[in-house]
Amino acid sequence: MVSASLNWSSLLGITLVILGLFLMVMRGRQSSQPSHSGQDLPLVVSYLIAGFILFFQGWRLDPILQFAQFLLIGSIIYRAVKDFSSRP
Protein backbone atom coordinates (compact mmCIF):
# COMPACT_ATOMS: atom_id res chain seq x y z
CA MET A 1 0.00 0.00 0.00
CA VAL A 2 1.34 3.39 -0.97
CA SER A 3 0.33 6.26 1.27
CA ALA A 4 1.00 9.80 0.16
CA SER A 5 -0.72 12.99 1.16
CA LEU A 6 -0.18 16.63 0.33
CA ASN A 7 1.50 18.26 3.32
CA TRP A 8 4.71 20.19 3.93
CA SER A 9 6.86 17.09 3.77
CA SER A 10 5.44 15.89 0.48
CA LEU A 11 5.85 19.38 -1.00
CA LEU A 12 9.46 19.41 0.16
CA GLY A 13 9.93 15.97 -1.38
CA ILE A 14 8.53 17.18 -4.69
CA THR A 15 10.84 20.19 -4.49
CA LEU A 16 13.88 17.97 -3.93
CA VAL A 17 12.95 15.71 -6.83
CA ILE A 18 12.54 18.75 -9.11
CA LEU A 19 15.88 20.14 -7.93
CA GLY A 20 17.56 16.78 -8.59
CA LEU A 21 16.08 16.58 -12.09
CA PHE A 22 17.10 20.19 -12.77
CA LEU A 23 20.68 19.46 -11.73
CA MET A 24 20.70 16.33 -13.88
CA VAL A 25 19.52 18.29 -16.94
CA MET A 26 22.00 21.10 -16.32
CA ARG A 27 24.78 18.55 -15.80
CA GLY A 28 24.04 17.15 -19.25
CA ARG A 29 24.11 20.59 -20.83
CA GLN A 30 27.40 21.60 -19.21
CA SER A 31 29.33 18.43 -20.00
CA SER A 32 32.13 20.51 -21.51
CA GLN A 33 33.06 21.82 -18.05
CA PRO A 34 34.11 18.78 -16.01
CA SER A 35 35.10 20.75 -12.89
CA HIS A 36 31.78 20.19 -11.11
CA SER A 37 30.70 16.92 -12.70
CA GLY A 38 32.27 14.84 -9.93
CA GLN A 39 30.06 16.35 -7.25
CA ASP A 40 26.86 16.64 -9.27
CA LEU A 41 26.05 12.95 -9.61
CA PRO A 42 26.02 12.14 -5.86
CA LEU A 43 23.92 15.26 -5.22
CA VAL A 44 21.40 14.30 -7.89
CA VAL A 45 21.08 10.77 -6.52
CA SER A 46 20.73 11.92 -2.92
CA TYR A 47 18.18 14.62 -3.84
CA LEU A 48 16.06 12.10 -5.74
CA ILE A 49 16.19 9.46 -3.00
CA ALA A 50 15.48 11.95 -0.19
CA GLY A 51 12.70 13.56 -2.23
CA PHE A 52 10.93 10.28 -2.85
CA ILE A 53 11.28 9.26 0.80
CA LEU A 54 9.81 12.56 1.96
CA PHE A 55 7.00 12.35 -0.56
CA PHE A 56 5.91 8.84 0.33
CA GLN A 57 6.78 8.75 4.06
CA GLY A 58 6.53 12.43 5.06
CA TRP A 59 3.00 12.05 6.38
CA ARG A 60 4.45 10.16 9.35
CA LEU A 61 6.51 13.11 10.60
CA ASP A 62 5.51 15.25 13.53
CA PRO A 63 5.02 18.95 12.78
CA ILE A 64 8.29 19.91 14.48
CA LEU A 65 10.17 17.37 12.34
CA GLN A 66 8.45 18.72 9.23
CA PHE A 67 9.66 22.20 10.20
CA ALA A 68 13.20 20.86 10.71
CA GLN A 69 13.07 19.26 7.26
CA PHE A 70 11.83 22.57 5.84
CA LEU A 71 14.81 24.41 7.34
CA LEU A 72 17.31 21.80 6.13
CA ILE A 73 15.93 21.66 2.60
CA GLY A 74 15.68 25.44 2.45
CA SER A 75 19.40 25.68 3.23
CA ILE A 76 20.18 22.94 0.69
CA ILE A 77 18.28 24.78 -2.04
CA TYR A 78 19.96 28.08 -1.12
CA ARG A 79 23.43 26.53 -1.32
CA ALA A 80 22.62 24.71 -4.57
CA VAL A 81 21.35 27.88 -6.25
CA LYS A 82 24.32 29.88 -4.94
CA ASP A 83 26.78 27.23 -6.17
CA PHE A 84 25.02 26.91 -9.52
CA SER A 85 24.98 30.68 -10.09
CA SER A 86 28.70 30.96 -9.36
CA ARG A 87 29.64 28.45 -12.08
CA PRO A 88 31.31 29.86 -15.18
PDB file of N, CA and C in Angstrom:
ATOM      1  N   MET A   1       0.837  -1.173   0.000  1.00  0.00           N
ATOM      2  CA  MET A   1       0.000   0.000   0.000  1.00  0.00           C
ATOM      3  C   MET A   1       0.883   1.237   0.000  1.00  0.00           C
ATOM      4  N   VAL A   2       0.589   2.150  -0.872  1.00  0.00           N
ATOM      5  CA  VAL A   2       1.336   3.393  -0.967  1.00  0.00           C
ATOM      6  C   VAL A   2       0.491   4.496  -0.364  1.00  0.00           C
ATOM      7  N   SER A   3       1.053   5.158   0.637  1.00  0.00           N
ATOM      8  CA  SER A   3       0.333   6.260   1.274  1.00  0.00           C
ATOM      9  C   SER A   3       1.085   7.553   1.019  1.00  0.00           C
ATOM     10  N   ALA A   4       0.414   8.482   0.410  1.00  0.00           N
ATOM     11  CA  ALA A   4       1.001   9.795   0.164  1.00  0.00           C
ATOM     12  C   ALA A   4      -0.098  10.833   0.332  1.00  0.00           C
ATOM     13  N   SER A   5       0.241  11.907   0.987  1.00  0.00           N
ATOM     14  CA  SER A   5      -0.722  12.994   1.160  1.00  0.00           C
ATOM     15  C   SER A   5      -0.010  14.293   0.845  1.00  0.00           C
ATOM     16  N   LEU A   6      -0.768  15.341   0.681  1.00  0.00           N
ATOM     17  CA  LEU A   6      -0.181  16.632   0.334  1.00  0.00           C
ATOM     18  C   LEU A   6      -0.027  17.460   1.609  1.00  0.00           C
ATOM     19  N   ASN A   7       1.164  17.444   2.164  1.00  0.00           N
ATOM     20  CA  ASN A   7       1.498  18.260   3.322  1.00  0.00           C
ATOM     21  C   ASN A   7       2.873  18.880   3.080  1.00  0.00           C
ATOM     22  N   TRP A   8       3.425  19.515   4.107  1.00  0.00           N
ATOM     23  CA  TRP A   8       4.712  20.189   3.932  1.00  0.00           C
ATOM     24  C   TRP A   8       5.805  19.221   3.511  1.00  0.00           C
ATOM     25  N   SER A   9       5.804  18.055   4.094  1.00  0.00           N
ATOM     26  CA  SER A   9       6.862  17.091   3.774  1.00  0.00           C
ATOM     27  C   SER A   9       6.770  16.604   2.334  1.00  0.00           C
ATOM     28  N   SER A  10       5.561  16.342   1.867  1.00  0.00           N
ATOM     29  CA  SER A  10       5.442  15.889   0.477  1.00  0.00           C
ATOM     30  C   SER A  10       5.787  17.012  -0.495  1.00  0.00           C
ATOM     31  N   LEU A  11       5.451  18.251  -0.145  1.00  0.00           N
ATOM     32  CA  LEU A  11       5.847  19.378  -0.999  1.00  0.00           C
ATOM     33  C   LEU A  11       7.357  19.549  -1.020  1.00  0.00           C
ATOM     34  N   LEU A  12       8.003  19.346   0.120  1.00  0.00           N
ATOM     35  CA  LEU A  12       9.461  19.412   0.158  1.00  0.00           C
ATOM     36  C   LEU A  12      10.077  18.262  -0.646  1.00  0.00           C
ATOM     37  N   GLY A  13       9.457  17.087  -0.592  1.00  0.00           N
ATOM     38  CA  GLY A  13       9.929  15.967  -1.383  1.00  0.00           C
ATOM     39  C   GLY A  13       9.825  16.239  -2.871  1.00  0.00           C
ATOM     40  N   ILE A  14       8.705  16.815  -3.286  1.00  0.00           N
ATOM     41  CA  ILE A  14       8.530  17.176  -4.691  1.00  0.00           C
ATOM     42  C   ILE A  14       9.568  18.216  -5.098  1.00  0.00           C
ATOM     43  N   THR A  15       9.837  19.164  -4.212  1.00  0.00           N
ATOM     44  CA  THR A  15      10.843  20.194  -4.490  1.00  0.00           C
ATOM     45  C   THR A  15      12.226  19.577  -4.657  1.00  0.00           C
ATOM     46  N   LEU A  16      12.569  18.623  -3.798  1.00  0.00           N
ATOM     47  CA  LEU A  16      13.876  17.970  -3.927  1.00  0.00           C
ATOM     48  C   LEU A  16      13.984  17.161  -5.211  1.00  0.00           C
ATOM     49  N   VAL A  17      12.925  16.487  -5.589  1.00  0.00           N
ATOM     50  CA  VAL A  17      12.948  15.715  -6.832  1.00  0.00           C
ATOM     51  C   VAL A  17      13.121  16.660  -8.022  1.00  0.00           C
ATOM     52  N   ILE A  18      12.403  17.775  -8.026  1.00  0.00           N
ATOM     53  CA  ILE A  18      12.539  18.750  -9.113  1.00  0.00           C
ATOM     54  C   ILE A  18      13.947  19.326  -9.150  1.00  0.00           C
ATOM     55  N   LEU A  19      14.513  19.621  -7.977  1.00  0.00           N
ATOM     56  CA  LEU A  19      15.880  20.137  -7.932  1.00  0.00           C
ATOM     57  C   LEU A  19      16.871  19.103  -8.447  1.00  0.00           C
ATOM     58  N   GLY A  20      16.680  17.841  -8.089  1.00  0.00           N
ATOM     59  CA  GLY A  20      17.560  16.784  -8.589  1.00  0.00           C
ATOM     60  C   GLY A  20      17.470  16.625 -10.095  1.00  0.00           C
ATOM     61  N   LEU A  21      16.244  16.676 -10.636  1.00  0.00           N
ATOM     62  CA  LEU A  21      16.078  16.577 -12.088  1.00  0.00           C
ATOM     63  C   LEU A  21      16.673  17.795 -12.792  1.00  0.00           C
ATOM     64  N   PHE A  22      16.513  18.970 -12.195  1.00  0.00           N
ATOM     65  CA  PHE A  22      17.097  20.190 -12.765  1.00  0.00           C
ATOM     66  C   PHE A  22      18.615  20.091 -12.819  1.00  0.00           C
ATOM     67  N   LEU A  23      19.229  19.615 -11.728  1.00  0.00           N
ATOM     68  CA  LEU A  23      20.684  19.465 -11.731  1.00  0.00           C
ATOM     69  C   LEU A  23      21.144  18.417 -12.736  1.00  0.00           C
ATOM     70  N   MET A  24      20.346  17.364 -12.909  1.00  0.00           N
ATOM     71  CA  MET A  24      20.702  16.332 -13.879  1.00  0.00           C
ATOM     72  C   MET A  24      20.656  16.891 -15.300  1.00  0.00           C
ATOM     73  N   VAL A  25      19.632  17.693 -15.603  1.00  0.00           N
ATOM     74  CA  VAL A  25      19.521  18.290 -16.936  1.00  0.00           C
ATOM     75  C   VAL A  25      20.652  19.286 -17.161  1.00  0.00           C
ATOM     76  N   MET A  26      20.932  20.111 -16.159  1.00  0.00           N
ATOM     77  CA  MET A  26      21.995  21.097 -16.319  1.00  0.00           C
ATOM     78  C   MET A  26      23.369  20.435 -16.377  1.00  0.00           C
ATOM     79  N   ARG A  27      23.520  19.289 -15.728  1.00  0.00           N
ATOM     80  CA  ARG A  27      24.778  18.551 -15.797  1.00  0.00           C
ATOM     81  C   ARG A  27      25.000  18.040 -17.213  1.00  0.00           C
ATOM     82  N   GLY A  28      23.930  17.616 -17.873  1.00  0.00           N
ATOM     83  CA  GLY A  28      24.038  17.150 -19.248  1.00  0.00           C
ATOM     84  C   GLY A  28      24.361  18.269 -20.215  1.00  0.00           C
ATOM     85  N   ARG A  29      23.846  19.450 -19.948  1.00  0.00           N
ATOM     86  CA  ARG A  29      24.108  20.592 -20.832  1.00  0.00           C
ATOM     87  C   ARG A  29      25.514  21.138 -20.671  1.00  0.00           C
ATOM     88  N   GLN A  30      26.081  21.041 -19.468  1.00  0.00           N
ATOM     89  CA  GLN A  30      27.404  21.605 -19.214  1.00  0.00           C
ATOM     90  C   GLN A  30      28.459  20.509 -19.142  1.00  0.00           C
ATOM     91  N   SER A  31      28.369  19.535 -20.020  1.00  0.00           N
ATOM     92  CA  SER A  31      29.330  18.430 -19.996  1.00  0.00           C
ATOM     93  C   SER A  31      30.716  18.867 -20.452  1.00  0.00           C
ATOM     94  N   SER A  32      30.821  20.043 -21.066  1.00  0.00           N
ATOM     95  CA  SER A  32      32.128  20.508 -21.514  1.00  0.00           C
ATOM     96  C   SER A  32      32.967  21.050 -20.365  1.00  0.00           C
ATOM     97  N   GLN A  33      32.343  21.308 -19.217  1.00  0.00           N
ATOM     98  CA  GLN A  33      33.061  21.820 -18.055  1.00  0.00           C
ATOM     99  C   GLN A  33      33.067  20.745 -16.970  1.00  0.00           C
ATOM    100  N   PRO A  34      34.107  19.919 -16.932  1.00  0.00           N
ATOM    101  CA  PRO A  34      34.106  18.784 -16.008  1.00  0.00           C
ATOM    102  C   PRO A  34      34.478  19.137 -14.582  1.00  0.00           C
ATOM    103  N   SER A  35      34.637  20.408 -14.232  1.00  0.00           N
ATOM    104  CA  SER A  35      35.104  20.754 -12.895  1.00  0.00           C
ATOM    105  C   SER A  35      34.089  20.424 -11.815  1.00  0.00           C
ATOM    106  N   HIS A  36      32.796  20.474 -12.112  1.00  0.00           N
ATOM    107  CA  HIS A  36      31.775  20.190 -11.113  1.00  0.00           C
ATOM    108  C   HIS A  36      31.071  18.861 -11.350  1.00  0.00           C
ATOM    109  N   SER A  37      31.431  18.136 -12.378  1.00  0.00           N
ATOM    110  CA  SER A  37      30.701  16.915 -12.703  1.00  0.00           C
ATOM    111  C   SER A  37      30.913  15.825 -11.661  1.00  0.00           C
ATOM    112  N   GLY A  38      32.009  15.849 -10.947  1.00  0.00           N
ATOM    113  CA  GLY A  38      32.267  14.843  -9.929  1.00  0.00           C
ATOM    114  C   GLY A  38      31.363  14.965  -8.723  1.00  0.00           C
ATOM    115  N   GLN A  39      30.921  16.171  -8.411  1.00  0.00           N
ATOM    116  CA  GLN A  39      30.062  16.353  -7.247  1.00  0.00           C
ATOM    117  C   GLN A  39      28.589  16.413  -7.616  1.00  0.00           C
ATOM    118  N   ASP A  40      28.257  16.537  -8.874  1.00  0.00           N
ATOM    119  CA  ASP A  40      26.855  16.642  -9.269  1.00  0.00           C
ATOM    120  C   ASP A  40      26.117  15.315  -9.175  1.00  0.00           C
ATOM    121  N   LEU A  41      26.741  14.237  -9.588  1.00  0.00           N
ATOM    122  CA  LEU A  41      26.047  12.955  -9.610  1.00  0.00           C
ATOM    123  C   LEU A  41      25.627  12.485  -8.212  1.00  0.00           C
ATOM    124  N   PRO A  42      26.492  12.530  -7.197  1.00  0.00           N
ATOM    125  CA  PRO A  42      26.022  12.141  -5.861  1.00  0.00           C
ATOM    126  C   PRO A  42      24.924  13.058  -5.325  1.00  0.00           C
ATOM    127  N   LEU A  43      24.979  14.340  -5.651  1.00  0.00           N
ATOM    128  CA  LEU A  43      23.924  15.259  -5.221  1.00  0.00           C
ATOM    129  C   LEU A  43      22.604  14.923  -5.890  1.00  0.00           C
ATOM    130  N   VAL A  44      22.630  14.637  -7.175  1.00  0.00           N
ATOM    131  CA  VAL A  44      21.402  14.300  -7.887  1.00  0.00           C
ATOM    132  C   VAL A  44      20.781  13.037  -7.302  1.00  0.00           C
ATOM    133  N   VAL A  45      21.588  12.029  -7.071  1.00  0.00           N
ATOM    134  CA  VAL A  45      21.076  10.769  -6.524  1.00  0.00           C
ATOM    135  C   VAL A  45      20.507  10.976  -5.123  1.00  0.00           C
ATOM    136  N   SER A  46      21.231  11.713  -4.275  1.00  0.00           N
ATOM    137  CA  SER A  46      20.734  11.923  -2.915  1.00  0.00           C
ATOM    138  C   SER A  46      19.483  12.799  -2.905  1.00  0.00           C
ATOM    139  N   TYR A  47      19.392  13.795  -3.778  1.00  0.00           N
ATOM    140  CA  TYR A  47      18.178  14.619  -3.844  1.00  0.00           C
ATOM    141  C   TYR A  47      16.981  13.785  -4.283  1.00  0.00           C
ATOM    142  N   LEU A  48      17.169  12.921  -5.267  1.00  0.00           N
ATOM    143  CA  LEU A  48      16.065  12.096  -5.742  1.00  0.00           C
ATOM    144  C   LEU A  48      15.613  11.099  -4.674  1.00  0.00           C
ATOM    145  N   ILE A  49      16.552  10.441  -4.026  1.00  0.00           N
ATOM    146  CA  ILE A  49      16.186   9.463  -2.996  1.00  0.00           C
ATOM    147  C   ILE A  49      15.503  10.143  -1.817  1.00  0.00           C
ATOM    148  N   ALA A  50      16.084  11.248  -1.329  1.00  0.00           N
ATOM    149  CA  ALA A  50      15.479  11.949  -0.193  1.00  0.00           C
ATOM    150  C   ALA A  50      14.124  12.533  -0.566  1.00  0.00           C
ATOM    151  N   GLY A  51      13.978  13.008  -1.794  1.00  0.00           N
ATOM    152  CA  GLY A  51      12.701  13.555  -2.228  1.00  0.00           C
ATOM    153  C   GLY A  51      11.608  12.518  -2.282  1.00  0.00           C
ATOM    154  N   PHE A  52      11.933  11.334  -2.812  1.00  0.00           N
ATOM    155  CA  PHE A  52      10.932  10.275  -2.855  1.00  0.00           C
ATOM    156  C   PHE A  52      10.586   9.766  -1.459  1.00  0.00           C
ATOM    157  N   ILE A  53      11.568   9.680  -0.574  1.00  0.00           N
ATOM    158  CA  ILE A  53      11.284   9.262   0.800  1.00  0.00           C
ATOM    159  C   ILE A  53      10.373  10.266   1.485  1.00  0.00           C
ATOM    160  N   LEU A  54      10.662  11.550   1.333  1.00  0.00           N
ATOM    161  CA  LEU A  54       9.806  12.556   1.963  1.00  0.00           C
ATOM    162  C   LEU A  54       8.411  12.562   1.356  1.00  0.00           C
ATOM    163  N   PHE A  55       8.315  12.338   0.068  1.00  0.00           N
ATOM    164  CA  PHE A  55       7.002  12.351  -0.561  1.00  0.00           C
ATOM    165  C   PHE A  55       6.138  11.193  -0.083  1.00  0.00           C
ATOM    166  N   PHE A  56       6.712  10.007  -0.022  1.00  0.00           N
ATOM    167  CA  PHE A  56       5.912   8.839   0.329  1.00  0.00           C
ATOM    168  C   PHE A  56       5.828   8.573   1.831  1.00  0.00           C
ATOM    169  N   GLN A  57       6.793   9.031   2.627  1.00  0.00           N
ATOM    170  CA  GLN A  57       6.779   8.753   4.058  1.00  0.00           C
ATOM    171  C   GLN A  57       6.697  10.010   4.912  1.00  0.00           C
ATOM    172  N   GLY A  58       6.560  11.176   4.308  1.00  0.00           N
ATOM    173  CA  GLY A  58       6.531  12.426   5.062  1.00  0.00           C
ATOM    174  C   GLY A  58       5.293  12.608   5.910  1.00  0.00           C
ATOM    175  N   TRP A  59       4.224  11.911   5.600  1.00  0.00           N
ATOM    176  CA  TRP A  59       3.004  12.052   6.380  1.00  0.00           C
ATOM    177  C   TRP A  59       3.172  11.509   7.794  1.00  0.00           C
ATOM    178  N   ARG A  60       4.222  10.740   8.033  1.00  0.00           N
ATOM    179  CA  ARG A  60       4.452  10.164   9.348  1.00  0.00           C
ATOM    180  C   ARG A  60       5.188  11.115  10.283  1.00  0.00           C
ATOM    181  N   LEU A  61       5.714  12.209   9.782  1.00  0.00           N
ATOM    182  CA  LEU A  61       6.512  13.113  10.596  1.00  0.00           C
ATOM    183  C   LEU A  61       5.641  14.000  11.474  1.00  0.00           C
ATOM    184  N   ASP A  62       6.154  14.280  12.658  1.00  0.00           N
ATOM    185  CA  ASP A  62       5.510  15.248  13.528  1.00  0.00           C
ATOM    186  C   ASP A  62       5.697  16.640  12.940  1.00  0.00           C
ATOM    187  N   PRO A  63       4.868  17.596  13.332  1.00  0.00           N
ATOM    188  CA  PRO A  63       5.016  18.954  12.777  1.00  0.00           C
ATOM    189  C   PRO A  63       6.382  19.587  13.043  1.00  0.00           C
ATOM    190  N   ILE A  64       6.981  19.321  14.191  1.00  0.00           N
ATOM    191  CA  ILE A  64       8.292  19.909  14.479  1.00  0.00           C
ATOM    192  C   ILE A  64       9.361  19.284  13.585  1.00  0.00           C
ATOM    193  N   LEU A  65       9.233  18.003  13.264  1.00  0.00           N
ATOM    194  CA  LEU A  65      10.172  17.367  12.338  1.00  0.00           C
ATOM    195  C   LEU A  65       9.960  17.861  10.912  1.00  0.00           C
ATOM    196  N   GLN A  66       8.720  18.144  10.545  1.00  0.00           N
ATOM    197  CA  GLN A  66       8.453  18.722   9.229  1.00  0.00           C
ATOM    198  C   GLN A  66       9.089  20.104   9.123  1.00  0.00           C
ATOM    199  N   PHE A  67       9.022  20.876  10.197  1.00  0.00           N
ATOM    200  CA  PHE A  67       9.658  22.197  10.195  1.00  0.00           C
ATOM    201  C   PHE A  67      11.175  22.070  10.099  1.00  0.00           C
ATOM    202  N   ALA A  68      11.750  21.086  10.789  1.00  0.00           N
ATOM    203  CA  ALA A  68      13.199  20.860  10.706  1.00  0.00           C
ATOM    204  C   ALA A  68      13.598  20.476   9.284  1.00  0.00           C
ATOM    205  N   GLN A  69      12.797  19.625   8.648  1.00  0.00           N
ATOM    206  CA  GLN A  69      13.070  19.263   7.257  1.00  0.00           C
ATOM    207  C   GLN A  69      12.959  20.481   6.346  1.00  0.00           C
ATOM    208  N   PHE A  70      11.986  21.344   6.620  1.00  0.00           N
ATOM    209  CA  PHE A  70      11.828  22.565   5.841  1.00  0.00           C
ATOM    210  C   PHE A  70      13.069  23.446   5.950  1.00  0.00           C
ATOM    211  N   LEU A  71      13.608  23.600   7.154  1.00  0.00           N
ATOM    212  CA  LEU A  71      14.812  24.411   7.340  1.00  0.00           C
ATOM    213  C   LEU A  71      16.020  23.783   6.642  1.00  0.00           C
ATOM    214  N   LEU A  72      16.178  22.474   6.770  1.00  0.00           N
ATOM    215  CA  LEU A  72      17.307  21.802   6.126  1.00  0.00           C
ATOM    216  C   LEU A  72      17.237  21.892   4.605  1.00  0.00           C
ATOM    217  N   ILE A  73      16.068  21.632   4.054  1.00  0.00           N
ATOM    218  CA  ILE A  73      15.926  21.656   2.602  1.00  0.00           C
ATOM    219  C   ILE A  73      16.005  23.078   2.069  1.00  0.00           C
ATOM    220  N   GLY A  74      15.522  24.037   2.847  1.00  0.00           N
ATOM    221  CA  GLY A  74      15.682  25.440   2.448  1.00  0.00           C
ATOM    222  C   GLY A  74      17.148  25.824   2.342  1.00  0.00           C
ATOM    223  N   SER A  75      17.965  25.380   3.307  1.00  0.00           N
ATOM    224  CA  SER A  75      19.396  25.682   3.233  1.00  0.00           C
ATOM    225  C   SER A  75      20.072  24.930   2.098  1.00  0.00           C
ATOM    226  N   ILE A  76      19.623  23.710   1.817  1.00  0.00           N
ATOM    227  CA  ILE A  76      20.180  22.941   0.693  1.00  0.00           C
ATOM    228  C   ILE A  76      19.884  23.643  -0.627  1.00  0.00           C
ATOM    229  N   ILE A  77      18.654  24.098  -0.795  1.00  0.00           N
ATOM    230  CA  ILE A  77      18.279  24.777  -2.035  1.00  0.00           C
ATOM    231  C   ILE A  77      19.041  26.087  -2.170  1.00  0.00           C
ATOM    232  N   TYR A  78      19.202  26.826  -1.080  1.00  0.00           N
ATOM    233  CA  TYR A  78      19.960  28.078  -1.118  1.00  0.00           C
ATOM    234  C   TYR A  78      21.400  27.826  -1.559  1.00  0.00           C
ATOM    235  N   ARG A  79      22.050  26.830  -0.961  1.00  0.00           N
ATOM    236  CA  ARG A  79      23.430  26.533  -1.323  1.00  0.00           C
ATOM    237  C   ARG A  79      23.548  26.017  -2.764  1.00  0.00           C
ATOM    238  N   ALA A  80      22.572  25.232  -3.203  1.00  0.00           N
ATOM    239  CA  ALA A  80      22.616  24.713  -4.573  1.00  0.00           C
ATOM    240  C   ALA A  80      22.463  25.839  -5.581  1.00  0.00           C
ATOM    241  N   VAL A  81      21.542  26.753  -5.328  1.00  0.00           N
ATOM    242  CA  VAL A  81      21.353  27.879  -6.248  1.00  0.00           C
ATOM    243  C   VAL A  81      22.572  28.787  -6.226  1.00  0.00           C
ATOM    244  N   LYS A  82      23.130  29.029  -5.043  1.00  0.00           N
ATOM    245  CA  LYS A  82      24.324  29.878  -4.937  1.00  0.00           C
ATOM    246  C   LYS A  82      25.509  29.240  -5.659  1.00  0.00           C
ATOM    247  N   ASP A  83      25.686  27.932  -5.495  1.00  0.00           N
ATOM    248  CA  ASP A  83      26.778  27.235  -6.174  1.00  0.00           C
ATOM    249  C   ASP A  83      26.555  27.211  -7.681  1.00  0.00           C
ATOM    250  N   PHE A  84      25.312  26.983  -8.083  1.00  0.00           N
ATOM    251  CA  PHE A  84      25.016  26.915  -9.516  1.00  0.00           C
ATOM    252  C   PHE A  84      25.200  28.270 -10.178  1.00  0.00           C
ATOM    253  N   SER A  85      24.847  29.353  -9.485  1.00  0.00           N
ATOM    254  CA  SER A  85      24.982  30.685 -10.093  1.00  0.00           C
ATOM    255  C   SER A  85      26.440  31.136 -10.150  1.00  0.00           C
ATOM    256  N   SER A  86      27.310  30.553  -9.334  1.00  0.00           N
ATOM    257  CA  SER A  86      28.705  30.957  -9.364  1.00  0.00           C
ATOM    258  C   SER A  86      29.538  30.176 -10.372  1.00  0.00           C
ATOM    259  N   ARG A  87      28.917  29.207 -11.053  1.00  0.00           N
ATOM    260  CA  ARG A  87      29.637  28.447 -12.080  1.00  0.00           C
ATOM    261  C   ARG A  87      29.874  29.321 -13.301  1.00  0.00           C
ATOM    262  N   PRO A  88      31.028  29.069 -13.962  1.00  0.00           N
ATOM    263  CA  PRO A  88      31.312  29.864 -15.178  1.00  0.00           C
ATOM    264  C   PRO A  88      30.453  29.484 -16.346  1.00  0.00           C
TER     265      PRO A  88
END
